Amino acid sequence: MNGISHETLDGAAPNREPSSLRGLFWAGMLMLVGLAFLAWLGTPPPVRAVGESLPTVDLQPLSLAGSAIGNSDLSGQVVVMHFWGTWCGYCIE
């Protein structure tokens, strides 16, 4: 042969794990790490508590039919702000 022996000095076969089992182990470990990472990504951000104040929005006075509306006019009221883009066809319709 080529002079390479696959036996140990005592004549027994070397004590090695088959490479397929080692590869399977590392593939499983990689999957577990990947699943843990995906679970971490899927964690929702903390929700604001009910009754906790939101940061104020500094509105420049808006004109509605000639009268200006500012933050002081909206104090203590529920305000819905609707944003849309001129480039959005669905928003324009």
PDB file of N, CA and C in Angstrom:
ATOM      1  N   MET A   1       0.823  -1.182   0.000  1.00  0.00           N
ATOM      2  CA  MET A   1       0.000   0.000   0.000  1.00  0.00           C
ATOM      3  C   MET A   1       0.868   1.248   0.000  1.00  0.00           C
ATOM      4  N   ASN A   2       0.348   2.345   0.483  1.00  0.00           N
ATOM      5  CA  ASN A   2       1.087   3.595   0.446  1.00  0.00           C
ATOM      6  C   ASN A   2       1.840   3.882   1.739  1.00  0.00           C
ATOM      7  N   GLY A   3       1.876   2.970   2.658  1.00  0.00           N
ATOM      8  CA  GLY A   3       2.620   3.149   3.883  1.00  0.00           C
ATOM      9  C   GLY A   3       1.834   3.819   4.995  1.00  0.00           C
ATOM     10  N   ILE A   4       0.578   4.189   4.754  1.00  0.00           N
ATOM     11  CA  ILE A   4      -0.253   4.825   5.775  1.00  0.00           C
ATOM     12  C   ILE A   4      -1.112   3.750   6.410  1.00  0.00           C
ATOM     13  N   SER A   5      -1.000   3.605   7.703  1.00  0.00           N
ATOM     14  CA  SER A   5      -1.780   2.601   8.418  1.00  0.00           C
ATOM     15  C   SER A   5      -2.927   3.281   9.151  1.00  0.00           C
ATOM     16  N   HIS A   6      -4.080   2.653   9.097  1.00  0.00           N
ATOM     17  CA  HIS A   6      -5.257   3.185   9.781  1.00  0.00           C
ATOM     18  C   HIS A   6      -5.485   2.488  11.120  1.00  0.00           C
ATOM     19  N   GLU A   7      -4.491   1.805  11.608  1.00  0.00           N
ATOM     20  CA  GLU A   7      -4.618   1.127  12.888  1.00  0.00           C
ATOM     21  C   GLU A   7      -3.707   1.799  13.904  1.00  0.00           C
ATOM     22  N   THR A   8      -4.091   1.691  15.161  1.00  0.00           N
ATOM     23  CA  THR A   8      -3.247   2.227  16.225  1.00  0.00           C
ATOM     24  C   THR A   8      -2.174   1.208  16.560  1.00  0.00           C
ATOM     25  N   LEU A   9      -1.318   1.554  17.514  1.00  0.00           N
ATOM     26  CA  LEU A   9      -0.227   0.656  17.880  1.00  0.00           C
ATOM     27  C   LEU A   9      -0.723  -0.662  18.446  1.00  0.00           C
ATOM     28  N   ASP A  10      -1.862  -0.662  19.125  1.00  0.00           N
ATOM     29  CA  ASP A  10      -2.361  -1.906  19.696  1.00  0.00           C
ATOM     30  C   ASP A  10      -3.204  -2.692  18.700  1.00  0.00           C
ATOM     31  N   GLY A  11      -3.318  -2.233  17.475  1.00  0.00           N
ATOM     32  CA  GLY A  11      -4.039  -2.967  16.444  1.00  0.00           C
ATOM     33  C   GLY A  11      -5.507  -2.613  16.346  1.00  0.00           C
ATOM     34  N   ALA A  12      -6.000  -1.766  17.233  1.00  0.00           N
ATOM     35  CA  ALA A  12      -7.413  -1.390  17.190  1.00  0.00           C
ATOM     36  C   ALA A  12      -7.599  -0.232  16.217  1.00  0.00           C
ATOM     37  N   ALA A  13      -8.801  -0.105  15.740  1.00  0.00           N
ATOM     38  CA  ALA A  13      -9.119   1.006  14.841  1.00  0.00           C
ATOM     39  C   ALA A  13      -9.103   2.306  15.641  1.00  0.00           C
ATOM     40  N   PRO A  14      -8.744   3.414  15.024  1.00  0.00           N
ATOM     41  CA  PRO A  14      -8.724   4.688  15.761  1.00  0.00           C
ATOM     42  C   PRO A  14     -10.117   5.061  16.262  1.00  0.00           C
ATOM     43  N   ASN A  15     -10.156   5.721  17.411  1.00  0.00           N
ATOM     44  CA  ASN A  15     -11.419   6.098  18.035  1.00  0.00           C
ATOM     45  C   ASN A  15     -11.828   7.478  17.516  1.00  0.00           C
ATOM     46  N   ARG A  16     -12.573   7.509  16.429  1.00  0.00           N
ATOM     47  CA  ARG A  16     -13.033   8.764  15.839  1.00  0.00           C
ATOM     48  C   ARG A  16     -14.532   8.697  15.619  1.00  0.00           C
ATOM     49  N   GLU A  17     -15.160   9.863  15.750  1.00  0.00           N
ATOM     50  CA  GLU A  17     -16.579   9.935  15.408  1.00  0.00           C
ATOM     51  C   GLU A  17     -16.696   9.984  13.894  1.00  0.00           C
ATOM     52  N   PRO A  18     -17.704   9.373  13.350  1.00  0.00           N
ATOM     53  CA  PRO A  18     -17.907   9.511  11.909  1.00  0.00           C
ATOM     54  C   PRO A  18     -18.170  10.976  11.569  1.00  0.00           C
ATOM     55  N   SER A  19     -17.639  11.430  10.455  1.00  0.00           N
ATOM     56  CA  SER A  19     -17.773  12.836  10.083  1.00  0.00           C
ATOM     57  C   SER A  19     -19.223  13.219   9.831  1.00  0.00           C
ATOM     58  N   SER A  20     -20.058  12.263   9.439  1.00  0.00           N
ATOM     59  CA  SER A  20     -21.464  12.590   9.202  1.00  0.00           C
ATOM     60  C   SER A  20     -22.171  12.953  10.508  1.00  0.00           C
ATOM     61  N   LEU A  21     -21.829  12.272  11.605  1.00  0.00           N
ATOM     62  CA  LEU A  21     -22.439  12.606  12.895  1.00  0.00           C
ATOM     63  C   LEU A  21     -21.946  13.960  13.393  1.00  0.00           C
ATOM     64  N   ARG A  22     -20.680  14.238  13.177  1.00  0.00           N
ATOM     65  CA  ARG A  22     -20.130  15.525  13.582  1.00  0.00           C
ATOM     66  C   ARG A  22     -20.792  16.654  12.784  1.00  0.00           C
ATOM     67  N   GLY A  23     -20.957  16.448  11.494  1.00  0.00           N
ATOM     68  CA  GLY A  23     -21.619  17.451  10.656  1.00  0.00           C
ATOM     69  C   GLY A  23     -23.066  17.649  11.063  1.00  0.00           C
ATOM     70  N   LEU A  24     -23.736  16.552  11.407  1.00  0.00           N
ATOM     71  CA  LEU A  24     -25.129  16.633  11.855  1.00  0.00           C
ATOM     72  C   LEU A  24     -25.230  17.412  13.166  1.00  0.00           C
ATOM     73  N   PHE A  25     -24.286  17.183  14.063  1.00  0.00           N
ATOM     74  CA  PHE A  25     -24.262  17.910  15.330  1.00  0.00           C
ATOM     75  C   PHE A  25     -24.114  19.408  15.085  1.00  0.00           C
ATOM     76  N   TRP A  26     -23.148  19.794  14.244  1.00  0.00           N
ATOM     77  CA  TRP A  26     -22.921  21.216  13.997  1.00  0.00           C
ATOM     78  C   TRP A  26     -24.068  21.847  13.226  1.00  0.00           C
ATOM     79  N   ALA A  27     -24.698  21.089  12.346  1.00  0.00           N
ATOM     80  CA  ALA A  27     -25.871  21.617  11.639  1.00  0.00           C
ATOM     81  C   ALA A  27     -27.003  21.874  12.632  1.00  0.00           C
ATOM     82  N   GLY A  28     -27.188  20.963  13.585  1.00  0.00           N
ATOM     83  CA  GLY A  28     -28.206  21.154  14.616  1.00  0.00           C
ATOM     84  C   GLY A  28     -27.909  22.351  15.498  1.00  0.00           C
ATOM     85  N   MET A  29     -26.636  22.518  15.863  1.00  0.00           N
ATOM     86  CA  MET A  29     -26.257  23.672  16.680  1.00  0.00           C
ATOM     87  C   MET A  29     -26.487  24.978  15.923  1.00  0.00           C
ATOM     88  N   LEU A  30     -26.157  24.980  14.634  1.00  0.00           N
ATOM     89  CA  LEU A  30     -26.375  26.168  13.816  1.00  0.00           C
ATOM     90  C   LEU A  30     -27.864  26.490  13.724  1.00  0.00           C
ATOM     91  N   MET A  31     -28.691  25.469  13.598  1.00  0.00           N
ATOM     92  CA  MET A  31     -30.142  25.687  13.548  1.00  0.00           C
ATOM     93  C   MET A  31     -30.651  26.254  14.870  1.00  0.00           C
ATOM     94  N   LEU A  32     -30.150  25.748  15.986  1.00  0.00           N
ATOM     95  CA  LEU A  32     -30.579  26.262  17.290  1.00  0.00           C
ATOM     96  C   LEU A  32     -30.183  27.724  17.469  1.00  0.00           C
ATOM     97  N   VAL A  33     -28.978  28.065  17.067  1.00  0.00           N
ATOM     98  CA  VAL A  33     -28.538  29.457  17.168  1.00  0.00           C
ATOM     99  C   VAL A  33     -29.388  30.333  16.256  1.00  0.00           C
ATOM    100  N   GLY A  34     -29.676  29.849  15.048  1.00  0.00           N
ATOM    101  CA  GLY A  34     -30.517  30.610  14.122  1.00  0.00           C
ATOM    102  C   GLY A  34     -31.921  30.808  14.657  1.00  0.00           C
ATOM    103  N   LEU A  35     -32.499  29.768  15.242  1.00  0.00           N
ATOM    104  CA  LEU A  35     -33.843  29.894  15.816  1.00  0.00           C
ATOM    105  C   LEU A  35     -33.856  30.856  16.998  1.00  0.00           C
ATOM    106  N   ALA A  36     -32.819  30.808  17.813  1.00  0.00           N
ATOM    107  CA  ALA A  36     -32.741  31.746  18.940  1.00  0.00           C
ATOM    108  C   ALA A  36     -32.634  33.180  18.435  1.00  0.00           C
ATOM    109  N   PHE A  37     -31.871  33.390  17.367  1.00  0.00           N
ATOM    110  CA  PHE A  37     -31.736  34.729  16.793  1.00  0.00           C
ATOM    111  C   PHE A  37     -33.064  35.203  16.222  1.00  0.00           C
ATOM    112  N   LEU A  38     -33.783  34.327  15.515  1.00  0.00           N
ATOM    113  CA  LEU A  38     -35.086  34.702  14.962  1.00  0.00           C
ATOM    114  C   LEU A  38     -36.097  34.994  16.066  1.00  0.00           C
ATOM    115  N   ALA A  39     -36.047  34.236  17.150  1.00  0.00           N
ATOM    116  CA  ALA A  39     -36.947  34.497  18.273  1.00  0.00           C
ATOM    117  C   ALA A  39     -36.632  35.853  18.893  1.00  0.00           C
ATOM    118  N   TRP A  40     -35.354  36.194  18.964  1.00  0.00           N
ATOM    119  CA  TRP A  40     -34.958  37.498  19.502  1.00  0.00           C
ATOM    120  C   TRP A  40     -35.433  38.618  18.588  1.00  0.00           C
ATOM    121  N   LEU A  41     -35.345  38.422  17.270  1.00  0.00           N
ATOM    122  CA  LEU A  41     -35.811  39.436  16.326  1.00  0.00           C
ATOM    123  C   LEU A  41     -37.322  39.627  16.405  1.00  0.00           C
ATOM    124  N   GLY A  42     -38.046  38.557  16.688  1.00  0.00           N
ATOM    125  CA  GLY A  42     -39.500  38.616  16.720  1.00  0.00           C
ATOM    126  C   GLY A  42     -40.073  39.167  18.007  1.00  0.00           C
ATOM    127  N   THR A  43     -39.230  39.503  18.959  1.00  0.00           N
ATOM    128  CA  THR A  43     -39.721  40.053  20.218  1.00  0.00           C
ATOM    129  C   THR A  43     -40.269  41.452  19.965  1.00  0.00           C
ATOM    130  N   PRO A  44     -41.550  41.683  20.295  1.00  0.00           N
ATOM    131  CA  PRO A  44     -42.132  43.001  20.031  1.00  0.00           C
ATOM    132  C   PRO A  44     -41.535  44.062  20.952  1.00  0.00           C
ATOM    133  N   PRO A  45     -41.499  45.294  20.488  1.00  0.00           N
ATOM    134  CA  PRO A  45     -40.986  46.368  21.337  1.00  0.00           C
ATOM    135  C   PRO A  45     -41.928  46.607  22.514  1.00  0.00           C
ATOM    136  N   PRO A  46     -41.432  47.162  23.595  1.00  0.00           N
ATOM    137  CA  PRO A  46     -42.303  47.413  24.743  1.00  0.00           C
ATOM    138  C   PRO A  46     -43.417  48.392  24.380  1.00  0.00           C
ATOM    139  N   VAL A  47     -44.600  48.130  24.905  1.00  0.00           N
ATOM    140  CA  VAL A  47     -45.774  48.956  24.626  1.00  0.00           C
ATOM    141  C   VAL A  47     -45.870  50.042  25.691  1.00  0.00           C
ATOM    142  N   ARG A  48     -46.242  51.226  25.261  1.00  0.00           N
ATOM    143  CA  ARG A  48     -46.423  52.311  26.230  1.00  0.00           C
ATOM    144  C   ARG A  48     -47.603  51.974  27.143  1.00  0.00           C
ATOM    145  N   ALA A  49     -47.473  52.335  28.378  1.00  0.00           N
ATOM    146  CA  ALA A  49     -48.527  52.076  29.347  1.00  0.00           C
ATOM    147  C   ALA A  49     -49.711  53.003  29.099  1.00  0.00           C
ATOM    148  N   VAL A  50     -50.899  52.496  29.396  1.00  0.00           N
ATOM    149  CA  VAL A  50     -52.104  53.308  29.264  1.00  0.00           C
ATOM    150  C   VAL A  50     -52.012  54.459  30.247  1.00  0.00           C
ATOM    151  N   GLY A  51     -52.314  55.652  29.783  1.00  0.00           N
ATOM    152  CA  GLY A  51     -52.265  56.829  30.631  1.00  0.00           C
ATOM    153  C   GLY A  51     -50.920  57.531  30.627  1.00  0.00           C
ATOM    154  N   GLU A  52     -49.910  56.912  30.048  1.00  0.00           N
ATOM    155  CA  GLU A  52     -48.596  57.545  29.971  1.00  0.00           C
ATOM    156  C   GLU A  52     -48.605  58.546  28.824  1.00  0.00           C
ATOM    157  N   SER A  53     -48.078  59.717  29.065  1.00  0.00           N
ATOM    158  CA  SER A  53     -48.092  60.773  28.052  1.00  0.00           C
ATOM    159  C   SER A  53     -47.131  60.464  26.921  1.00  0.00           C
ATOM    160  N   LEU A  54     -47.562  60.793  25.721  1.00  0.00           N
ATOM    161  CA  LEU A  54     -46.702  60.680  24.555  1.00  0.00           C
ATOM    162  C   LEU A  54     -45.922  61.972  24.397  1.00  0.00           C
ATOM    163  N   PRO A  55     -44.810  61.928  23.694  1.00  0.00           N
ATOM    164  CA  PRO A  55     -44.069  63.168  23.483  1.00  0.00           C
ATOM    165  C   PRO A  55     -44.899  64.155  22.670  1.00  0.00           C
ATOM    166  N   THR A  56     -44.747  65.419  22.973  1.00  0.00           N
ATOM    167  CA  THR A  56     -45.526  66.434  22.259  1.00  0.00           C
ATOM    168  C   THR A  56     -44.968  66.645  20.866  1.00  0.00           C
ATOM    169  N   VAL A  57     -45.855  66.971  19.957  1.00  0.00           N
ATOM    170  CA  VAL A  57     -45.492  67.279  18.584  1.00  0.00           C
ATOM    171  C   VAL A  57     -45.593  68.785  18.434  1.00  0.00           C
ATOM    172  N   ASP A  58     -44.503  69.400  18.044  1.00  0.00           N
ATOM    173  CA  ASP A  58     -44.487  70.847  17.884  1.00  0.00           C
ATOM    174  C   ASP A  58     -45.012  71.192  16.497  1.00  0.00           C
ATOM    175  N   LEU A  59     -46.286  71.551  16.427  1.00  0.00           N
ATOM    176  CA  LEU A  59     -46.907  71.898  15.151  1.00  0.00           C
ATOM    177  C   LEU A  59     -46.713  73.370  14.847  1.00  0.00           C
ATOM    178  N   GLN A  60     -46.360  73.634  13.641  1.00  0.00           N
ATOM    179  CA  GLN A  60     -46.362  75.015  13.184  1.00  0.00           C
ATOM    180  C   GLN A  60     -47.827  75.376  12.956  1.00  0.00           C
ATOM    181  N   PRO A  61     -48.217  76.602  13.173  1.00  0.00           N
ATOM    182  CA  PRO A  61     -49.626  76.959  12.976  1.00  0.00           C
ATOM    183  C   PRO A  61     -50.101  76.596  11.568  1.00  0.00           C
ATOM    184  N   LEU A  62     -51.203  75.862  11.540  1.00  0.00           N
ATOM    185  CA  LEU A  62     -51.799  75.451  10.274  1.00  0.00           C
ATOM    186  C   LEU A  62     -52.956  76.377   9.944  1.00  0.00           C
ATOM    187  N   SER A  63     -53.161  76.607   8.684  1.00  0.00           N
ATOM    188  CA  SER A  63     -54.245  77.486   8.274  1.00  0.00           C
ATOM    189  C   SER A  63     -55.396  76.646   7.746  1.00  0.00           C
ATOM    190  N   LEU A  64     -56.562  76.854   8.317  1.00  0.00           N
ATOM    191  CA  LEU A  64     -57.759  76.147   7.873  1.00  0.00           C
ATOM    192  C   LEU A  64     -58.819  77.200   7.590  1.00  0.00           C
ATOM    193  N   ALA A  65     -59.044  77.457   6.334  1.00  0.00           N
ATOM    194  CA  ALA A  65     -60.032  78.453   5.895  1.00  0.00           C
ATOM    195  C   ALA A  65     -59.741  79.827   6.498  1.00  0.00           C
ATOM    196  N   GLY A  66     -58.479  80.190   6.519  1.00  0.00           N
ATOM    197  CA  GLY A  66     -58.118  81.526   6.970  1.00  0.00           C
ATOM    198  C   GLY A  66     -57.802  81.645   8.437  1.00  0.00           C
ATOM    199  N   SER A  67     -58.175  80.666   9.278  1.00  0.00           N
ATOM    200  CA  SER A  67     -57.870  80.766  10.710  1.00  0.00           C
ATOM    201  C   SER A  67     -56.715  79.820  11.035  1.00  0.00           C
ATOM    202  N   ALA A  68     -55.791  80.302  11.848  1.00  0.00           N
ATOM    203  CA  ALA A  68     -54.619  79.508  12.204  1.00  0.00           C
ATOM    204  C   ALA A  68     -54.946  78.562  13.348  1.00  0.00           C
ATOM    205  N   ILE A  69     -54.419  77.347  13.269  1.00  0.00           N
ATOM    206  CA  ILE A  69     -54.602  76.347  14.323  1.00  0.00           C
ATOM    207  C   ILE A  69     -53.212  75.944  14.793  1.00  0.00           C
ATOM    208  N   GLY A  70     -52.965  76.016  16.078  1.00  0.00           N
ATOM    209  CA  GLY A  70     -51.668  75.646  16.644  1.00  0.00           C
ATOM    210  C   GLY A  70     -51.838  74.660  17.783  1.00  0.00           C
ATOM    211  N   ASN A  71     -50.743  74.387  18.491  1.00  0.00           N
ATOM    212  CA  ASN A  71     -50.778  73.449  19.613  1.00  0.00           C
ATOM    213  C   ASN A  71     -51.747  73.890  20.708  1.00  0.00           C
ATOM    214  N   SER A  72     -51.799  75.169  20.997  1.00  0.00           N
ATOM    215  CA  SER A  72     -52.660  75.652  22.083  1.00  0.00           C
ATOM    216  C   SER A  72     -54.134  75.422  21.759  1.00  0.00           C
ATOM    217  N   ASP A  73     -54.509  75.481  20.487  1.00  0.00           N
ATOM    218  CA  ASP A  73     -55.905  75.247  20.103  1.00  0.00           C
ATOM    219  C   ASP A  73     -56.302  73.782  20.246  1.00  0.00           C
ATOM    220  N   LEU A  74     -55.338  72.881  20.196  1.00  0.00           N
ATOM    221  CA  LEU A  74     -55.630  71.447  20.242  1.00  0.00           C
ATOM    222  C   LEU A  74     -55.385  70.836  21.615  1.00  0.00           C
ATOM    223  N   SER A  75     -54.992  71.632  22.581  1.00  0.00           N
ATOM    224  CA  SER A  75     -54.671  71.126  23.907  1.00  0.00           C
ATOM    225  C   SER A  75     -55.884  70.458  24.545  1.00  0.00           C
ATOM    226  N   GLY A  76     -55.689  69.237  25.057  1.00  0.00           N
ATOM    227  CA  GLY A  76     -56.753  68.501  25.735  1.00  0.00           C
ATOM    228  C   GLY A  76     -57.700  67.786  24.797  1.00  0.00           C
ATOM    229  N   GLN A  77     -57.451  67.806  23.499  1.00  0.00           N
ATOM    230  CA  GLN A  77     -58.328  67.151  22.528  1.00  0.00           C
ATOM    231  C   GLN A  77     -57.598  65.976  21.883  1.00  0.00           C
ATOM    232  N   VAL A  78     -58.390  65.033  21.396  1.00  0.00           N
ATOM    233  CA  VAL A  78     -57.830  63.922  20.636  1.00  0.00           C
ATOM    234  C   VAL A  78     -57.623  64.408  19.213  1.00  0.00           C
ATOM    235  N   VAL A  79     -56.429  64.215  18.687  1.00  0.00           N
ATOM    236  CA  VAL A  79     -56.093  64.697  17.349  1.00  0.00           C
ATOM    237  C   VAL A  79     -55.641  63.512  16.510  1.00  0.00           C
ATOM    238  N   VAL A  80     -56.216  63.378  15.323  1.00  0.00           N
ATOM    239  CA  VAL A  80     -55.791  62.358  14.370  1.00  0.00           C
ATOM    240  C   VAL A  80     -55.019  63.065  13.269  1.00  0.00           C
ATOM    241  N   MET A  81     -53.785  62.642  13.083  1.00  0.00           N
ATOM    242  CA  MET A  81     -52.958  63.244  12.038  1.00  0.00           C
ATOM    243  C   MET A  81     -52.876  62.259  10.880  1.00  0.00           C
ATOM    244  N   HIS A  82     -53.283  62.703   9.715  1.00  0.00           N
ATOM    245  CA  HIS A  82     -53.292  61.856   8.525  1.00  0.00           C
ATOM    246  C   HIS A  82     -52.175  62.324   7.595  1.00  0.00           C
ATOM    247  N   PHE A  83     -51.180  61.459   7.385  1.00  0.00           N
ATOM    248  CA  PHE A  83     -50.058  61.789   6.516  1.00  0.00           C
ATOM    249  C   PHE A  83     -50.186  61.014   5.214  1.00  0.00           C
ATOM    250  N   TRP A  84     -49.878  61.646   4.122  1.00  0.00           N
ATOM    251  CA  TRP A  84     -49.851  60.965   2.834  1.00  0.00           C
ATOM    252  C   TRP A  84     -48.851  61.666   1.939  1.00  0.00           C
ATOM    253  N   GLY A  85     -48.442  60.967   0.897  1.00  0.00           N
ATOM    254  CA  GLY A  85     -47.449  61.520  -0.021  1.00  0.00           C
ATOM    255  C   GLY A  85     -48.059  61.811  -1.375  1.00  0.00           C
ATOM    256  N   THR A  86     -47.585  62.856  -2.016  1.00  0.00           N
ATOM    257  CA  THR A  86     -48.089  63.203  -3.347  1.00  0.00           C
ATOM    258  C   THR A  86     -47.697  62.152  -4.374  1.00  0.00           C
ATOM    259  N   TRP A  87     -46.717  61.320  -4.063  1.00  0.00           N
ATOM    260  CA  TRP A  87     -46.269  60.273  -4.964  1.00  0.00           C
ATOM    261  C   TRP A  87     -47.101  58.998  -4.816  1.00  0.00           C
ATOM    262  N   CYS A  88     -47.968  58.918  -3.815  1.00  0.00           N
ATOM    263  CA  CYS A  88     -48.743  57.706  -3.528  1.00  0.00           C
ATOM    264  C   CYS A  88     -50.078  57.771  -4.260  1.00  0.00           C
ATOM    265  N   GLY A  89     -50.220  56.964  -5.298  1.00  0.00           N
ATOM    266  CA  GLY A  89     -51.460  56.953  -6.078  1.00  0.00           C
ATOM    267  C   GLY A  89     -52.668  56.549  -5.256  1.00  0.00           C
ATOM    268  N   TYR A  90     -52.498  55.567  -4.382  1.00  0.00           N
ATOM    269  CA  TYR A  90     -53.599  55.112  -3.531  1.00  0.00           C
ATOM    270  C   TYR A  90     -54.042  56.222  -2.579  1.00  0.00           C
ATOM    271  N   CYS A  91     -53.102  57.001  -2.067  1.00  0.00           N
ATOM    272  CA  CYS A  91     -53.424  58.079  -1.127  1.00  0.00           C
ATOM    273  C   CYS A  91     -54.175  59.216  -1.816  1.00  0.00           C
ATOM    274  N   ILE A  92     -53.868  59.472  -3.068  1.00  0.00           N
ATOM    275  CA  ILE A  92     -54.490  60.581  -3.788  1.00  0.00           C
ATOM    276  C   ILE A  92     -55.947  60.284  -4.106  1.00  0.00           C
ATOM    277  N   GLU A  93     -56.269  59.007  -4.350  1.00  0.00           N
ATOM    278  CA  GLU A  93     -57.647  58.641  -4.735  1.00  0.00           C
ATOM    279  C   GLU A  93     -58.650  58.909  -3.649  1.00  0.00           C
TER     280      GLU A  93
END
